[in-house]
N, C-alpha and C. Protein backbone atom coordinates (compact mmCIF):
# COMPACT_ATOMS: atom_id res chain seq x y z
N MET A 1 -59.35 -47.12 -8.16
CA MET A 1 -59.02 -48.24 -9.17
C MET A 1 -59.26 -47.56 -10.58
N ARG A 2 -60.36 -46.79 -10.68
CA ARG A 2 -60.57 -46.21 -12.00
C ARG A 2 -59.53 -45.28 -12.44
N MET A 3 -59.01 -44.45 -11.45
CA MET A 3 -57.92 -43.47 -11.78
C MET A 3 -56.60 -44.23 -12.31
N ILE A 4 -56.32 -45.34 -11.64
CA ILE A 4 -55.13 -46.18 -12.03
C ILE A 4 -55.36 -46.71 -13.43
N LEU A 5 -56.58 -47.27 -13.69
CA LEU A 5 -56.82 -47.79 -15.02
C LEU A 5 -56.65 -46.75 -16.11
N ALA A 6 -57.35 -45.61 -15.80
CA ALA A 6 -57.30 -44.48 -16.81
C ALA A 6 -55.86 -44.01 -17.11
N ALA A 7 -55.14 -43.94 -15.95
CA ALA A 7 -53.78 -43.39 -16.08
C ALA A 7 -52.91 -44.47 -16.86
N THR A 8 -53.14 -45.78 -16.58
CA THR A 8 -52.45 -46.81 -17.32
C THR A 8 -52.75 -46.80 -18.75
N LEU A 9 -54.05 -46.62 -19.13
CA LEU A 9 -54.43 -46.57 -20.50
C LEU A 9 -53.77 -45.36 -21.24
N SER A 10 -53.72 -44.31 -20.59
CA SER A 10 -53.15 -43.15 -21.12
C SER A 10 -51.70 -43.31 -21.34
N ILE A 11 -50.97 -43.83 -20.43
CA ILE A 11 -49.56 -44.05 -20.52
C ILE A 11 -49.27 -45.03 -21.61
N ALA A 12 -50.18 -46.18 -21.64
CA ALA A 12 -49.92 -47.16 -22.64
C ALA A 12 -50.12 -46.64 -24.14
N ALA A 13 -51.15 -45.82 -24.24
CA ALA A 13 -51.39 -45.22 -25.58
C ALA A 13 -50.23 -44.32 -25.90
N PHE A 14 -49.63 -43.57 -25.00
CA PHE A 14 -48.60 -42.71 -25.32
C PHE A 14 -47.36 -43.46 -25.66
N MET A 15 -46.99 -44.54 -24.89
CA MET A 15 -45.82 -45.35 -25.09
C MET A 15 -45.97 -46.17 -26.35
N LEU A 16 -47.07 -46.60 -26.71
CA LEU A 16 -47.24 -47.40 -27.93
C LEU A 16 -47.41 -46.63 -29.20
N SER A 17 -47.63 -45.38 -29.08
CA SER A 17 -47.79 -44.56 -30.30
C SER A 17 -46.49 -44.21 -30.95
N PRO A 18 -46.48 -44.38 -32.33
CA PRO A 18 -45.20 -43.85 -33.02
C PRO A 18 -44.90 -42.42 -32.81
N PRO A 19 -43.78 -41.98 -32.87
CA PRO A 19 -43.43 -40.57 -32.62
C PRO A 19 -44.21 -39.56 -33.44
N LEU A 20 -44.57 -39.82 -34.65
CA LEU A 20 -45.30 -38.91 -35.44
C LEU A 20 -46.78 -38.76 -35.05
N THR A 21 -47.28 -39.67 -34.30
CA THR A 21 -48.63 -39.55 -33.81
C THR A 21 -48.76 -38.91 -32.49
N ARG A 22 -47.73 -38.39 -31.85
CA ARG A 22 -47.76 -37.79 -30.60
C ARG A 22 -48.09 -36.30 -30.71
N ALA A 23 -48.75 -35.76 -30.12
CA ALA A 23 -48.90 -34.37 -30.05
C ALA A 23 -48.94 -33.94 -28.66
N ALA A 24 -59.07 -31.80 -27.72
CA ALA A 24 -60.14 -31.06 -27.84
C ALA A 24 -60.55 -31.18 -26.59
N GLY A 25 -62.09 -27.28 -22.11
CA GLY A 25 -63.26 -27.69 -22.73
C GLY A 25 -64.45 -27.83 -21.93
N THR A 26 -65.45 -28.14 -22.89
CA THR A 26 -66.78 -28.45 -22.32
C THR A 26 -67.39 -29.56 -23.13
N ASP A 27 -68.21 -30.37 -22.39
CA ASP A 27 -68.79 -31.43 -23.00
C ASP A 27 -70.13 -31.05 -23.64
N ASP A 28 -70.37 -29.72 -23.76
CA ASP A 28 -71.66 -29.33 -24.40
C ASP A 28 -71.66 -29.47 -25.83
N SER A 29 -72.56 -30.23 -26.35
CA SER A 29 -72.66 -30.56 -27.85
C SER A 29 -73.49 -29.52 -28.60
N GLU A 30 -74.14 -28.62 -27.91
CA GLU A 30 -74.89 -27.52 -28.52
C GLU A 30 -74.07 -26.50 -29.08
N PRO A 31 -74.22 -26.05 -30.30
CA PRO A 31 -73.38 -24.92 -30.72
C PRO A 31 -73.68 -23.77 -29.97
N PRO A 32 -72.75 -22.83 -29.71
CA PRO A 32 -72.99 -21.56 -28.99
C PRO A 32 -73.85 -20.64 -29.89
N THR A 33 -74.65 -19.89 -29.24
CA THR A 33 -75.43 -18.91 -29.95
C THR A 33 -74.51 -17.80 -30.41
N PRO A 34 -74.55 -17.47 -31.70
CA PRO A 34 -73.62 -16.39 -32.13
C PRO A 34 -73.87 -15.13 -31.47
N THR A 35 -72.93 -14.44 -31.14
CA THR A 35 -72.96 -13.11 -30.54
C THR A 35 -72.28 -12.11 -31.49
N GLU A 36 -72.13 -10.86 -31.00
CA GLU A 36 -71.41 -9.84 -31.75
C GLU A 36 -69.96 -10.21 -31.90
N THR A 37 -69.43 -11.19 -31.12
CA THR A 37 -68.10 -11.53 -31.27
C THR A 37 -67.88 -12.10 -32.70
N THR A 38 -68.76 -12.85 -33.26
CA THR A 38 -68.65 -13.37 -34.55
C THR A 38 -69.40 -12.59 -35.65
N THR A 39 -70.25 -11.70 -35.17
CA THR A 39 -71.14 -10.98 -36.19
C THR A 39 -70.58 -9.60 -36.42
N GLU A 40 -69.96 -8.96 -35.43
CA GLU A 40 -69.67 -7.57 -35.51
C GLU A 40 -68.19 -7.22 -35.21
N CYS A 41 -67.61 -7.91 -34.21
CA CYS A 41 -66.28 -7.52 -33.78
C CYS A 41 -65.19 -7.75 -34.81
N GLU A 42 -64.13 -6.94 -34.71
CA GLU A 42 -63.00 -7.10 -35.62
C GLU A 42 -62.14 -8.26 -35.08
N LYS A 43 -61.28 -8.73 -35.91
CA LYS A 43 -60.32 -9.77 -35.54
C LYS A 43 -59.54 -9.39 -34.28
N GLY A 44 -59.50 -10.26 -33.27
CA GLY A 44 -58.81 -9.99 -32.02
C GLY A 44 -59.69 -9.24 -30.97
N GLU A 45 -60.97 -9.15 -31.29
CA GLU A 45 -61.89 -8.51 -30.36
C GLU A 45 -62.91 -9.54 -29.91
N VAL A 46 -63.51 -9.22 -28.72
CA VAL A 46 -64.63 -10.07 -28.10
C VAL A 46 -65.69 -9.10 -27.71
N TRP A 47 -66.89 -9.59 -27.84
CA TRP A 47 -68.00 -8.78 -27.32
C TRP A 47 -68.11 -8.80 -25.78
N ASP A 48 -68.19 -7.68 -25.23
CA ASP A 48 -68.23 -7.53 -23.78
C ASP A 48 -69.74 -7.06 -23.46
N GLU A 49 -70.50 -7.91 -22.83
CA GLU A 49 -71.88 -7.64 -22.49
C GLU A 49 -72.00 -6.43 -21.58
N LYS A 50 -71.07 -6.28 -20.65
CA LYS A 50 -71.12 -5.21 -19.68
C LYS A 50 -71.09 -3.87 -20.43
N THR A 51 -70.22 -3.69 -21.24
CA THR A 51 -70.00 -2.36 -21.96
C THR A 51 -70.70 -2.32 -23.30
N GLU A 52 -71.32 -3.47 -23.65
CA GLU A 52 -72.01 -3.60 -24.91
C GLU A 52 -71.14 -3.06 -26.10
N ALA A 53 -69.89 -3.53 -26.16
CA ALA A 53 -68.93 -3.07 -27.17
C ALA A 53 -67.94 -4.20 -27.41
N CYS A 54 -67.34 -4.13 -28.56
CA CYS A 54 -66.25 -5.09 -28.89
C CYS A 54 -65.01 -4.50 -28.22
N ILE A 55 -64.27 -5.35 -27.53
CA ILE A 55 -63.00 -4.95 -26.89
C ILE A 55 -61.94 -5.94 -27.18
N LYS A 56 -60.71 -5.48 -27.11
CA LYS A 56 -59.61 -6.47 -27.33
C LYS A 56 -59.68 -7.66 -26.39
N ALA A 57 -59.35 -8.76 -26.94
CA ALA A 57 -59.44 -10.10 -26.14
C ALA A 57 -58.65 -10.04 -24.89
N GLU A 58 -57.44 -9.27 -24.96
CA GLU A 58 -56.56 -9.23 -23.80
C GLU A 58 -57.00 -8.31 -22.68
N ASP A 59 -58.12 -7.48 -23.06
CA ASP A 59 -58.56 -6.52 -22.06
C ASP A 59 -58.84 -7.14 -20.71
N THR A 60 -58.31 -6.48 -19.60
CA THR A 60 -58.39 -7.02 -18.31
C THR A 60 -59.85 -7.01 -17.76
N SER A 61 -60.79 -6.38 -18.39
CA SER A 61 -62.15 -6.44 -17.95
C SER A 61 -62.81 -7.73 -18.31
N LEU A 62 -62.26 -8.46 -19.15
CA LEU A 62 -62.77 -9.73 -19.55
C LEU A 62 -62.16 -10.82 -18.58
N ASN A 63 -62.96 -11.83 -18.24
CA ASN A 63 -62.44 -12.95 -17.49
C ASN A 63 -62.23 -14.12 -18.43
N ASP A 64 -61.59 -15.13 -17.95
CA ASP A 64 -61.32 -16.37 -18.81
C ASP A 64 -62.57 -17.01 -19.23
N ASP A 65 -63.65 -17.09 -18.49
CA ASP A 65 -64.84 -17.71 -19.02
C ASP A 65 -65.46 -16.99 -20.18
N GLN A 66 -65.32 -15.68 -20.12
CA GLN A 66 -65.74 -14.86 -21.28
C GLN A 66 -64.94 -15.22 -22.52
N ARG A 67 -63.66 -15.18 -22.23
CA ARG A 67 -62.74 -15.50 -23.35
C ARG A 67 -63.00 -16.91 -23.93
N PHE A 68 -63.09 -17.86 -23.04
CA PHE A 68 -63.40 -19.22 -23.40
C PHE A 68 -64.66 -19.33 -24.34
N GLY A 69 -65.73 -18.65 -23.85
CA GLY A 69 -66.93 -18.58 -24.70
C GLY A 69 -66.66 -18.08 -26.12
N ALA A 70 -65.88 -17.02 -26.16
CA ALA A 70 -65.54 -16.48 -27.50
C ALA A 70 -64.68 -17.42 -28.35
N VAL A 71 -63.75 -18.17 -27.66
CA VAL A 71 -63.02 -19.21 -28.34
C VAL A 71 -63.88 -20.21 -28.94
N ARG A 72 -64.84 -20.68 -28.15
CA ARG A 72 -65.79 -21.69 -28.61
C ARG A 72 -66.67 -21.19 -29.74
N GLU A 73 -67.16 -19.96 -29.57
CA GLU A 73 -67.98 -19.41 -30.69
C GLU A 73 -67.21 -19.23 -31.99
N LEU A 74 -65.98 -18.65 -31.86
CA LEU A 74 -65.08 -18.55 -33.09
C LEU A 74 -64.79 -19.96 -33.71
N ALA A 75 -64.56 -20.94 -32.85
CA ALA A 75 -64.30 -22.29 -33.37
C ALA A 75 -65.46 -22.72 -34.22
N TYR A 76 -66.71 -22.63 -33.65
CA TYR A 76 -67.88 -23.05 -34.33
C TYR A 76 -68.12 -22.27 -35.65
N ALA A 77 -67.72 -21.00 -35.63
CA ALA A 77 -67.83 -20.16 -36.79
C ALA A 77 -66.83 -20.51 -37.89
N GLY A 78 -65.94 -21.48 -37.69
CA GLY A 78 -64.95 -21.79 -38.64
C GLY A 78 -63.73 -20.78 -38.68
N ARG A 79 -63.49 -20.15 -37.56
CA ARG A 79 -62.37 -19.24 -37.45
C ARG A 79 -61.35 -19.66 -36.44
N PRO A 80 -60.66 -20.84 -36.71
CA PRO A 80 -59.81 -21.40 -35.71
C PRO A 80 -58.56 -20.58 -35.40
N GLU A 81 -58.05 -19.81 -36.35
CA GLU A 81 -56.91 -19.04 -36.09
C GLU A 81 -57.23 -17.84 -35.12
N GLU A 82 -58.43 -17.31 -35.31
CA GLU A 82 -58.81 -16.20 -34.48
C GLU A 82 -59.15 -16.76 -32.98
N ALA A 83 -59.64 -17.97 -33.00
CA ALA A 83 -60.00 -18.64 -31.75
C ALA A 83 -58.61 -18.89 -31.03
N LEU A 84 -57.67 -19.31 -31.70
CA LEU A 84 -56.38 -19.54 -31.06
C LEU A 84 -55.79 -18.36 -30.54
N ALA A 85 -55.94 -17.20 -31.18
CA ALA A 85 -55.36 -15.92 -30.71
C ALA A 85 -56.10 -15.48 -29.48
N VAL A 86 -57.49 -15.67 -29.35
CA VAL A 86 -58.19 -15.37 -28.15
C VAL A 86 -57.81 -16.36 -26.99
N LEU A 87 -57.64 -17.60 -27.33
CA LEU A 87 -57.22 -18.61 -26.36
C LEU A 87 -55.82 -18.21 -25.73
N ALA A 88 -54.97 -17.66 -26.52
CA ALA A 88 -53.64 -17.25 -26.09
C ALA A 88 -53.71 -16.10 -24.99
N THR A 89 -54.89 -15.34 -25.03
CA THR A 89 -55.01 -14.24 -23.99
C THR A 89 -55.50 -14.65 -22.70
N MET A 90 -55.92 -15.97 -22.55
CA MET A 90 -56.45 -16.40 -21.29
C MET A 90 -55.37 -16.39 -20.27
N THR A 91 -55.75 -16.03 -19.08
CA THR A 91 -54.78 -15.77 -18.00
C THR A 91 -54.65 -17.05 -17.05
N GLU A 92 -55.49 -18.09 -17.31
CA GLU A 92 -55.55 -19.18 -16.34
C GLU A 92 -54.30 -20.03 -16.55
N GLY A 93 -53.60 -19.89 -17.65
CA GLY A 93 -52.38 -20.69 -17.87
C GLY A 93 -52.72 -21.93 -18.63
N GLU A 94 -51.84 -22.86 -18.49
CA GLU A 94 -51.85 -24.06 -19.20
C GLU A 94 -52.75 -25.08 -18.40
N THR A 95 -54.04 -24.89 -18.48
CA THR A 95 -55.03 -25.76 -17.80
C THR A 95 -55.48 -26.83 -18.76
N SER A 96 -56.20 -27.84 -18.20
CA SER A 96 -56.73 -28.84 -19.07
C SER A 96 -57.65 -28.35 -20.12
N ARG A 97 -58.55 -27.50 -19.68
CA ARG A 97 -59.54 -27.03 -20.67
C ARG A 97 -58.87 -26.13 -21.78
N VAL A 98 -57.86 -25.31 -21.37
CA VAL A 98 -57.09 -24.57 -22.43
C VAL A 98 -56.42 -25.48 -23.38
N MET A 99 -55.71 -26.47 -22.87
CA MET A 99 -54.96 -27.39 -23.72
C MET A 99 -55.87 -28.23 -24.55
N THR A 100 -57.09 -28.55 -24.13
CA THR A 100 -58.02 -29.33 -24.90
C THR A 100 -58.47 -28.46 -26.12
N TYR A 101 -58.83 -27.28 -25.91
CA TYR A 101 -59.31 -26.43 -27.01
C TYR A 101 -58.07 -26.13 -27.93
N GLN A 102 -56.94 -25.90 -27.33
CA GLN A 102 -55.75 -25.67 -28.17
C GLN A 102 -55.52 -26.86 -29.04
N GLY A 103 -55.64 -28.07 -28.50
CA GLY A 103 -55.39 -29.21 -29.42
C GLY A 103 -56.41 -29.29 -30.56
N PHE A 104 -57.68 -29.00 -30.17
CA PHE A 104 -58.74 -29.00 -31.24
C PHE A 104 -58.53 -28.01 -32.29
N LEU A 105 -58.10 -26.78 -31.90
CA LEU A 105 -57.95 -25.66 -32.88
C LEU A 105 -56.66 -25.98 -33.65
N LEU A 106 -55.64 -26.44 -33.04
CA LEU A 106 -54.46 -26.81 -33.85
C LEU A 106 -54.76 -27.89 -34.90
N ARG A 107 -55.55 -28.86 -34.47
CA ARG A 107 -55.92 -29.98 -35.31
C ARG A 107 -56.66 -29.40 -36.55
N GLN A 108 -57.58 -28.35 -36.34
CA GLN A 108 -58.40 -27.75 -37.34
C GLN A 108 -57.55 -26.91 -38.37
N THR A 109 -56.33 -26.44 -37.84
CA THR A 109 -55.51 -25.62 -38.72
C THR A 109 -54.44 -26.43 -39.40
N GLY A 110 -54.55 -27.70 -39.19
CA GLY A 110 -53.52 -28.70 -39.83
C GLY A 110 -52.22 -28.82 -39.07
N ARG A 111 -52.14 -28.32 -37.89
CA ARG A 111 -50.92 -28.44 -37.05
C ARG A 111 -51.05 -29.71 -36.15
N ILE A 112 -51.08 -30.88 -36.76
CA ILE A 112 -51.44 -32.11 -36.12
C ILE A 112 -50.48 -32.46 -35.00
N GLU A 113 -49.13 -32.40 -35.19
CA GLU A 113 -48.23 -32.77 -34.11
C GLU A 113 -48.34 -31.86 -32.90
N ASP A 114 -48.61 -30.52 -33.16
CA ASP A 114 -48.81 -29.66 -32.06
C ASP A 114 -50.09 -29.88 -31.38
N GLY A 115 -51.13 -30.35 -32.13
CA GLY A 115 -52.39 -30.67 -31.57
C GLY A 115 -52.30 -31.88 -30.68
N ILE A 116 -51.59 -32.89 -31.17
CA ILE A 116 -51.43 -34.09 -30.35
C ILE A 116 -50.73 -33.74 -29.05
N ALA A 117 -49.70 -32.81 -29.09
CA ALA A 117 -48.94 -32.50 -27.86
C ALA A 117 -49.93 -31.82 -26.84
N ALA A 118 -50.80 -30.90 -27.40
CA ALA A 118 -51.80 -30.27 -26.52
C ALA A 118 -52.74 -31.21 -25.97
N TYR A 119 -53.33 -32.12 -26.68
CA TYR A 119 -54.21 -33.12 -26.19
C TYR A 119 -53.56 -33.98 -25.03
N GLU A 120 -52.29 -34.36 -25.30
CA GLU A 120 -51.52 -35.19 -24.38
C GLU A 120 -51.29 -34.40 -23.09
N ARG A 121 -51.00 -33.12 -23.21
CA ARG A 121 -50.84 -32.26 -22.07
C ARG A 121 -52.13 -32.11 -21.28
N ALA A 122 -53.27 -31.91 -21.96
CA ALA A 122 -54.54 -31.75 -21.27
C ALA A 122 -54.84 -33.15 -20.48
N ILE A 123 -54.60 -34.23 -21.12
CA ILE A 123 -54.80 -35.50 -20.41
C ILE A 123 -53.87 -35.71 -19.29
N ALA A 124 -52.65 -35.30 -19.38
CA ALA A 124 -51.70 -35.43 -18.27
C ALA A 124 -52.10 -34.52 -17.10
N LEU A 125 -52.65 -33.38 -17.48
CA LEU A 125 -53.10 -32.51 -16.39
C LEU A 125 -54.41 -33.02 -15.64
N ASN A 126 -55.22 -33.69 -16.47
CA ASN A 126 -56.50 -34.19 -15.93
C ASN A 126 -56.85 -35.48 -16.66
N PRO A 127 -56.43 -36.60 -16.19
CA PRO A 127 -56.77 -37.83 -16.85
C PRO A 127 -58.22 -38.13 -17.03
N GLN A 128 -58.99 -37.46 -16.21
CA GLN A 128 -60.54 -37.60 -16.38
C GLN A 128 -61.13 -36.69 -17.41
N ASN A 129 -60.29 -35.92 -18.15
CA ASN A 129 -60.84 -35.01 -19.09
C ASN A 129 -61.32 -35.79 -20.40
N ILE A 130 -62.58 -36.13 -20.34
CA ILE A 130 -63.18 -36.99 -21.43
C ILE A 130 -63.30 -36.24 -22.72
N LEU A 131 -63.41 -34.92 -22.62
CA LEU A 131 -63.47 -34.17 -23.93
C LEU A 131 -62.12 -34.20 -24.63
N ALA A 132 -61.07 -34.02 -23.96
CA ALA A 132 -59.64 -34.15 -24.57
C ALA A 132 -59.56 -35.48 -25.13
N ARG A 133 -59.92 -36.51 -24.43
CA ARG A 133 -59.80 -37.88 -24.82
C ARG A 133 -60.51 -38.16 -26.15
N SER A 134 -61.77 -37.55 -26.21
CA SER A 134 -62.57 -37.75 -27.36
C SER A 134 -61.98 -37.05 -28.60
N TYR A 135 -61.56 -35.80 -28.45
CA TYR A 135 -60.98 -35.16 -29.56
C TYR A 135 -59.66 -35.79 -30.02
N TYR A 136 -58.83 -36.19 -29.02
CA TYR A 136 -57.61 -36.93 -29.31
C TYR A 136 -57.98 -38.18 -29.98
N GLY A 137 -58.87 -38.98 -29.53
CA GLY A 137 -59.30 -40.21 -30.15
C GLY A 137 -59.74 -39.98 -31.60
N GLN A 138 -60.45 -38.88 -31.87
CA GLN A 138 -60.90 -38.56 -33.26
C GLN A 138 -59.74 -38.27 -34.03
N LEU A 139 -58.81 -37.58 -33.59
CA LEU A 139 -57.49 -37.34 -34.38
C LEU A 139 -56.86 -38.58 -34.73
N LEU A 140 -56.78 -39.52 -33.74
CA LEU A 140 -56.23 -40.86 -33.95
C LEU A 140 -57.01 -41.62 -35.01
N VAL A 141 -58.28 -41.51 -35.07
CA VAL A 141 -59.12 -42.09 -36.14
C VAL A 141 -58.64 -41.52 -37.49
N GLN A 142 -58.56 -40.19 -37.53
CA GLN A 142 -58.09 -39.59 -38.78
C GLN A 142 -56.74 -40.08 -39.26
N MET A 143 -55.94 -40.49 -38.28
CA MET A 143 -54.53 -41.01 -38.60
C MET A 143 -54.54 -42.46 -38.77
N ASP A 144 -55.79 -43.18 -38.75
CA ASP A 144 -55.92 -44.59 -38.91
C ASP A 144 -55.21 -45.30 -37.80
N GLU A 145 -55.23 -44.73 -36.59
CA GLU A 145 -54.69 -45.36 -35.42
C GLU A 145 -55.89 -45.83 -34.54
N ILE A 146 -56.69 -46.82 -35.12
CA ILE A 146 -57.88 -47.19 -34.46
C ILE A 146 -57.76 -47.79 -33.12
N GLN A 147 -56.72 -48.64 -32.93
CA GLN A 147 -56.50 -49.24 -31.56
C GLN A 147 -56.22 -48.12 -30.55
N LEU A 148 -55.51 -47.23 -30.87
CA LEU A 148 -55.19 -46.15 -29.93
C LEU A 148 -56.39 -45.28 -29.66
N ALA A 149 -57.23 -45.09 -30.68
CA ALA A 149 -58.51 -44.41 -30.54
C ALA A 149 -59.38 -45.12 -29.63
N GLN A 150 -59.36 -46.52 -29.78
CA GLN A 150 -60.21 -47.34 -28.94
C GLN A 150 -59.81 -47.24 -27.50
N ALA A 151 -58.44 -47.11 -27.24
CA ALA A 151 -57.97 -47.01 -25.88
C ALA A 151 -58.50 -45.69 -25.23
N GLN A 152 -58.56 -44.60 -26.02
CA GLN A 152 -59.18 -43.39 -25.46
C GLN A 152 -60.63 -43.50 -25.20
N LEU A 153 -61.40 -44.29 -26.04
CA LEU A 153 -62.76 -44.55 -25.75
C LEU A 153 -62.93 -45.33 -24.57
N ASP A 154 -62.10 -46.36 -24.34
CA ASP A 154 -62.22 -47.15 -23.20
C ASP A 154 -61.92 -46.28 -21.93
N ALA A 155 -60.92 -45.37 -22.02
CA ALA A 155 -60.61 -44.46 -20.88
C ALA A 155 -61.78 -43.52 -20.62
N ILE A 156 -62.45 -43.12 -21.64
CA ILE A 156 -63.63 -42.26 -21.38
C ILE A 156 -64.72 -42.96 -20.65
N ARG A 157 -64.96 -44.25 -20.96
CA ARG A 157 -65.92 -45.12 -20.32
C ARG A 157 -65.47 -45.30 -18.84
N THR A 158 -64.28 -45.56 -18.72
CA THR A 158 -63.67 -45.82 -17.37
C THR A 158 -63.89 -44.67 -16.45
N ALA A 159 -63.71 -43.48 -17.02
CA ALA A 159 -63.80 -42.21 -16.31
C ALA A 159 -65.27 -41.79 -16.01
N GLY A 160 -66.22 -42.63 -16.37
CA GLY A 160 -67.63 -42.29 -16.10
C GLY A 160 -68.29 -41.57 -17.25
N GLY A 161 -67.69 -41.59 -18.47
CA GLY A 161 -68.12 -40.72 -19.55
C GLY A 161 -69.19 -41.51 -20.42
N LYS A 162 -69.67 -42.67 -19.94
CA LYS A 162 -70.65 -43.38 -20.83
C LYS A 162 -71.88 -42.59 -21.06
N GLY A 163 -72.30 -42.51 -22.30
CA GLY A 163 -73.54 -41.77 -22.61
C GLY A 163 -73.37 -40.24 -22.83
N THR A 164 -72.12 -39.83 -22.70
CA THR A 164 -71.86 -38.35 -22.92
C THR A 164 -71.55 -38.16 -24.41
N TRP A 165 -71.58 -36.82 -24.81
CA TRP A 165 -71.15 -36.52 -26.18
C TRP A 165 -69.83 -37.05 -26.50
N ALA A 166 -68.97 -36.91 -25.58
CA ALA A 166 -67.45 -37.32 -25.75
C ALA A 166 -67.39 -38.82 -26.13
N GLU A 167 -68.14 -39.60 -25.47
CA GLU A 167 -68.16 -41.08 -25.73
C GLU A 167 -68.85 -41.37 -27.09
N THR A 168 -70.06 -40.77 -27.34
CA THR A 168 -70.75 -41.08 -28.57
C THR A 168 -70.07 -40.61 -29.81
N ALA A 169 -69.46 -39.43 -29.72
CA ALA A 169 -68.75 -38.87 -30.84
C ALA A 169 -67.57 -39.71 -31.23
N LEU A 170 -66.78 -40.14 -30.27
CA LEU A 170 -65.60 -41.00 -30.57
C LEU A 170 -66.07 -42.32 -31.01
N ALA A 171 -67.07 -42.99 -30.34
CA ALA A 171 -67.49 -44.26 -30.78
C ALA A 171 -68.04 -44.24 -32.24
N SER A 172 -68.66 -43.10 -32.61
CA SER A 172 -69.23 -43.00 -33.92
C SER A 172 -68.03 -42.82 -34.93
N ALA A 173 -67.01 -41.99 -34.51
CA ALA A 173 -65.77 -41.84 -35.38
C ALA A 173 -65.10 -43.14 -35.66
N ILE A 174 -64.93 -43.98 -34.59
CA ILE A 174 -64.29 -45.27 -34.75
C ILE A 174 -65.05 -46.10 -35.64
N THR A 175 -66.36 -46.08 -35.56
CA THR A 175 -67.18 -46.93 -36.45
C THR A 175 -67.26 -46.49 -37.94
N THR A 176 -67.43 -45.07 -38.04
CA THR A 176 -67.65 -44.51 -39.40
C THR A 176 -66.51 -43.96 -40.08
N GLY A 177 -65.48 -43.54 -39.27
CA GLY A 177 -64.38 -42.84 -39.81
C GLY A 177 -64.56 -41.39 -40.01
N VAL A 178 -65.73 -40.90 -39.60
CA VAL A 178 -66.02 -39.46 -39.72
C VAL A 178 -65.90 -38.85 -38.30
N THR A 179 -65.09 -37.78 -38.26
CA THR A 179 -64.76 -37.15 -37.04
C THR A 179 -65.50 -35.74 -36.90
N TYR A 180 -65.58 -35.30 -35.69
CA TYR A 180 -66.22 -34.11 -35.43
C TYR A 180 -65.35 -32.87 -35.59
N THR A 181 -65.74 -31.96 -36.51
CA THR A 181 -64.98 -30.81 -36.81
C THR A 181 -65.79 -29.48 -36.61
N TYR A 182 -67.01 -29.54 -36.18
CA TYR A 182 -67.97 -28.48 -36.04
C TYR A 182 -68.63 -28.23 -37.34
């Protein structure tokens, strides 16, 4: 029943949103510890703990979890364009976590419509992705689409996200108008 309700809310939000409002993973709210990726590596490089060196993000010795950690670290460091470039090297394809972070990073670089598309793709791939719903809802708050943001908050709660960072961040954004940007 929860899956049906969440899917219904997602479809309703999509169908009711105006075309210009169509377009953020991990639920960890703690900032990543800076590594050499953000303190020493050149643009396009990621710190590799095994070799203790900066290597190209597309290097096959890196796995997607290492790349994803670098994406998150770069995003927190205020380097969304670099984070997008590393995200593009991930080999897992168009997964819900990739699309969530792509949406967040696109939002941070001002590419709102592309960000919306990424969030909606993340949610279509995994309707239980509460982080994508939270970031999408926060973008909707920025666009003054409070009812649609509330639908995302309701879907988070329906998906079992009550008490998570995703829920509290979106609830706060709806109440205060202040969204999470790192």
